[in-house]
Amino acid sequence: MPKGKLTPEGEVIAAYGAAMVAAFQVLINCLEESEALLPGQFPDALGIYMEMVKSQKGGVNDMTLAVLHDIRAATLD
């Protein structure tokens, strides 16, 4: 994917996505450190959820799946 200058709207969307991914990483780290979540459990469960909703008619739109994919990729060990 070519890297070009983002529109102002694109910059807002990118910043929002990056902040959300960072927040999930912090939350998952805290849950793993307190042993409330097993390492790898969250990305695995999110992957299963994504496959499930992809197969459902009218489940989740492509933008939502893209954000979930980014969160899952960022939280994989």
N, C-alpha and C. Protein backbone atom coordinates (compact mmCIF):
# COMPACT_ATOMS: atom_id res chain seq x y z
N MET A 1 0.84 -1.17 0.00
CA MET A 1 0.00 0.00 0.00
C MET A 1 0.89 1.24 0.00
N PRO A 2 0.67 2.15 -0.95
CA PRO A 2 1.51 3.33 -1.01
C PRO A 2 1.27 4.26 0.18
N LYS A 3 2.34 4.85 0.63
CA LYS A 3 2.24 5.77 1.77
C LYS A 3 2.20 7.19 1.21
N GLY A 4 1.06 7.84 1.35
CA GLY A 4 0.91 9.20 0.89
C GLY A 4 0.45 10.09 2.02
N LYS A 5 0.22 11.33 1.68
CA LYS A 5 -0.26 12.27 2.69
C LYS A 5 -1.73 11.99 2.95
N LEU A 6 -2.08 11.89 4.21
CA LEU A 6 -3.47 11.66 4.60
C LEU A 6 -4.25 12.95 4.58
N THR A 7 -5.53 12.82 4.31
CA THR A 7 -6.41 13.96 4.45
C THR A 7 -6.58 14.24 5.94
N PRO A 8 -7.08 15.41 6.31
CA PRO A 8 -7.32 15.66 7.73
C PRO A 8 -8.23 14.60 8.36
N GLU A 9 -9.24 14.17 7.62
CA GLU A 9 -10.13 13.13 8.14
C GLU A 9 -9.38 11.81 8.31
N GLY A 10 -8.50 11.51 7.35
CA GLY A 10 -7.70 10.30 7.44
C GLY A 10 -6.75 10.32 8.62
N GLU A 11 -6.19 11.49 8.91
CA GLU A 11 -5.31 11.62 10.08
C GLU A 11 -6.06 11.38 11.37
N VAL A 12 -7.29 11.88 11.44
CA VAL A 12 -8.11 11.66 12.64
C VAL A 12 -8.42 10.18 12.80
N ILE A 13 -8.80 9.53 11.71
CA ILE A 13 -9.12 8.10 11.77
C ILE A 13 -7.89 7.29 12.16
N ALA A 14 -6.74 7.62 11.59
CA ALA A 14 -5.50 6.90 11.91
C ALA A 14 -5.11 7.10 13.38
N ALA A 15 -5.25 8.32 13.87
CA ALA A 15 -4.92 8.61 15.28
C ALA A 15 -5.86 7.87 16.21
N TYR A 16 -7.14 7.85 15.88
CA TYR A 16 -8.12 7.13 16.69
C TYR A 16 -7.79 5.64 16.73
N GLY A 17 -7.49 5.07 15.57
CA GLY A 17 -7.16 3.64 15.51
C GLY A 17 -5.91 3.32 16.32
N ALA A 18 -4.88 4.16 16.20
CA ALA A 18 -3.64 3.92 16.94
C ALA A 18 -3.87 4.03 18.44
N ALA A 19 -4.67 4.99 18.86
CA ALA A 19 -4.96 5.14 20.30
C ALA A 19 -5.76 3.96 20.82
N MET A 20 -6.69 3.47 20.03
CA MET A 20 -7.51 2.33 20.47
C MET A 20 -6.64 1.07 20.59
N VAL A 21 -5.77 0.85 19.62
CA VAL A 21 -4.87 -0.30 19.68
C VAL A 21 -3.97 -0.21 20.90
N ALA A 22 -3.42 0.96 21.17
CA ALA A 22 -2.55 1.13 22.34
C ALA A 22 -3.31 0.87 23.63
N ALA A 23 -4.55 1.35 23.70
CA ALA A 23 -5.36 1.12 24.91
C ALA A 23 -5.61 -0.37 25.12
N PHE A 24 -5.89 -1.09 24.05
CA PHE A 24 -6.11 -2.54 24.18
C PHE A 24 -4.83 -3.24 24.61
N GLN A 25 -3.69 -2.82 24.09
CA GLN A 25 -2.43 -3.43 24.49
C GLN A 25 -2.17 -3.23 25.99
N VAL A 26 -2.43 -2.04 26.49
CA VAL A 26 -2.24 -1.77 27.92
C VAL A 26 -3.21 -2.61 28.75
N LEU A 27 -4.47 -2.64 28.35
CA LEU A 27 -5.47 -3.42 29.08
C LEU A 27 -5.10 -4.90 29.11
N ILE A 28 -4.72 -5.44 27.98
CA ILE A 28 -4.35 -6.86 27.92
C ILE A 28 -3.13 -7.15 28.77
N ASN A 29 -2.13 -6.26 28.72
CA ASN A 29 -0.94 -6.44 29.57
C ASN A 29 -1.31 -6.46 31.04
N CYS A 30 -2.19 -5.56 31.45
CA CYS A 30 -2.61 -5.51 32.86
C CYS A 30 -3.36 -6.79 33.24
N LEU A 31 -4.24 -7.25 32.38
CA LEU A 31 -5.00 -8.47 32.67
C LEU A 31 -4.10 -9.70 32.72
N GLU A 32 -3.09 -9.75 31.83
CA GLU A 32 -2.16 -10.87 31.86
C GLU A 32 -1.28 -10.84 33.10
N GLU A 33 -0.83 -9.65 33.49
CA GLU A 33 0.02 -9.53 34.68
C GLU A 33 -0.73 -9.92 35.95
N SER A 34 -2.03 -9.67 35.99
CA SER A 34 -2.83 -10.04 37.16
C SER A 34 -3.38 -11.46 37.03
N GLU A 35 -2.97 -12.14 35.98
CA GLU A 35 -3.37 -13.52 35.70
C GLU A 35 -4.88 -13.69 35.52
N ALA A 36 -5.54 -12.61 35.12
CA ALA A 36 -6.97 -12.69 34.79
C ALA A 36 -7.16 -13.16 33.35
N LEU A 37 -6.09 -13.10 32.57
CA LEU A 37 -6.12 -13.47 31.15
C LEU A 37 -4.85 -14.23 30.85
N LEU A 38 -4.97 -15.34 30.17
CA LEU A 38 -3.79 -16.11 29.79
C LEU A 38 -3.11 -15.46 28.60
N PRO A 39 -1.78 -15.54 28.52
CA PRO A 39 -1.08 -14.97 27.36
C PRO A 39 -1.62 -15.61 26.06
N GLY A 40 -1.93 -14.77 25.09
CA GLY A 40 -2.44 -15.25 23.81
C GLY A 40 -3.93 -15.51 23.77
N GLN A 41 -4.58 -15.47 24.91
CA GLN A 41 -6.01 -15.78 24.96
C GLN A 41 -6.85 -14.73 24.22
N PHE A 42 -6.55 -13.46 24.39
CA PHE A 42 -7.35 -12.41 23.77
C PHE A 42 -7.26 -12.45 22.24
N PRO A 43 -6.04 -12.47 21.64
CA PRO A 43 -5.99 -12.49 20.18
C PRO A 43 -6.63 -13.74 19.59
N ASP A 44 -6.50 -14.87 20.28
CA ASP A 44 -7.14 -16.10 19.79
C ASP A 44 -8.66 -15.98 19.80
N ALA A 45 -9.20 -15.46 20.89
CA ALA A 45 -10.65 -15.29 20.99
C ALA A 45 -11.15 -14.26 19.98
N LEU A 46 -10.40 -13.20 19.78
CA LEU A 46 -10.79 -12.19 18.80
C LEU A 46 -10.77 -12.76 17.39
N GLY A 47 -9.79 -13.59 17.09
CA GLY A 47 -9.73 -14.25 15.78
C GLY A 47 -10.93 -15.14 15.53
N ILE A 48 -11.33 -15.89 16.54
CA ILE A 48 -12.51 -16.75 16.43
C ILE A 48 -13.75 -15.91 16.20
N TYR A 49 -13.87 -14.81 16.96
CA TYR A 49 -15.02 -13.92 16.79
C TYR A 49 -15.07 -13.35 15.37
N MET A 50 -13.93 -12.92 14.86
CA MET A 50 -13.88 -12.33 13.53
C MET A 50 -14.31 -13.35 12.47
N GLU A 51 -13.85 -14.58 12.59
CA GLU A 51 -14.26 -15.61 11.63
C GLU A 51 -15.76 -15.88 11.73
N MET A 52 -16.28 -15.87 12.93
CA MET A 52 -17.70 -16.13 13.14
C MET A 52 -18.55 -15.04 12.49
N VAL A 53 -18.21 -13.78 12.70
CA VAL A 53 -19.04 -12.71 12.15
C VAL A 53 -18.87 -12.56 10.64
N LYS A 54 -17.72 -12.96 10.11
CA LYS A 54 -17.53 -12.92 8.65
C LYS A 54 -18.52 -13.87 7.96
N SER A 55 -18.82 -14.98 8.61
CA SER A 55 -19.69 -15.98 8.00
C SER A 55 -21.18 -15.64 8.17
N GLN A 56 -21.50 -14.67 9.00
CA GLN A 56 -22.89 -14.29 9.22
C GLN A 56 -23.30 -13.22 8.22
N LYS A 57 -24.51 -13.34 7.74
CA LYS A 57 -25.04 -12.35 6.80
C LYS A 57 -25.34 -11.06 7.55
N GLY A 58 -24.81 -9.94 7.07
CA GLY A 58 -25.04 -8.66 7.70
C GLY A 58 -24.40 -8.51 9.07
N GLY A 59 -23.31 -9.25 9.32
CA GLY A 59 -22.66 -9.23 10.63
C GLY A 59 -21.96 -7.94 10.94
N VAL A 60 -20.74 -7.77 10.45
CA VAL A 60 -19.90 -6.61 10.77
C VAL A 60 -19.37 -6.04 9.46
N ASN A 61 -19.30 -4.71 9.38
CA ASN A 61 -18.82 -4.11 8.14
C ASN A 61 -17.30 -4.23 8.01
N ASP A 62 -16.80 -3.95 6.81
CA ASP A 62 -15.38 -4.12 6.52
C ASP A 62 -14.48 -3.21 7.37
N MET A 63 -14.94 -2.01 7.68
CA MET A 63 -14.14 -1.08 8.49
C MET A 63 -13.96 -1.64 9.90
N THR A 64 -15.04 -2.17 10.46
CA THR A 64 -14.96 -2.76 11.80
C THR A 64 -14.01 -3.95 11.80
N LEU A 65 -14.12 -4.80 10.79
CA LEU A 65 -13.21 -5.95 10.70
C LEU A 65 -11.76 -5.51 10.55
N ALA A 66 -11.52 -4.43 9.82
CA ALA A 66 -10.16 -3.93 9.67
C ALA A 66 -9.59 -3.45 11.00
N VAL A 67 -10.42 -2.76 11.79
CA VAL A 67 -9.97 -2.30 13.10
C VAL A 67 -9.71 -3.50 14.01
N LEU A 68 -10.61 -4.47 14.01
CA LEU A 68 -10.41 -5.68 14.82
C LEU A 68 -9.15 -6.42 14.40
N HIS A 69 -8.89 -6.47 13.10
CA HIS A 69 -7.67 -7.12 12.61
C HIS A 69 -6.43 -6.40 13.14
N ASP A 70 -6.44 -5.07 13.10
CA ASP A 70 -5.29 -4.30 13.61
C ASP A 70 -5.09 -4.54 15.10
N ILE A 71 -6.17 -4.58 15.86
CA ILE A 71 -6.06 -4.83 17.29
C ILE A 71 -5.51 -6.22 17.53
N ARG A 72 -6.02 -7.20 16.80
CA ARG A 72 -5.55 -8.58 16.96
C ARG A 72 -4.06 -8.68 16.61
N ALA A 73 -3.67 -8.09 15.50
CA ALA A 73 -2.25 -8.15 15.07
C ALA A 73 -1.34 -7.49 16.10
N ALA A 74 -1.79 -6.38 16.68
CA ALA A 74 -0.97 -5.66 17.64
C ALA A 74 -0.88 -6.39 18.98
N THR A 75 -1.84 -7.24 19.28
CA THR A 75 -1.83 -7.93 20.57
C THR A 75 -1.27 -9.34 20.51
N LEU A 76 -0.89 -9.78 19.32
CA LEU A 76 -0.23 -11.09 19.22
C LEU A 76 1.17 -11.00 19.79
N ASP A 77 1.61 -12.01 20.49
CA ASP A 77 2.96 -12.01 21.08
C ASP A 77 4.00 -12.41 20.08
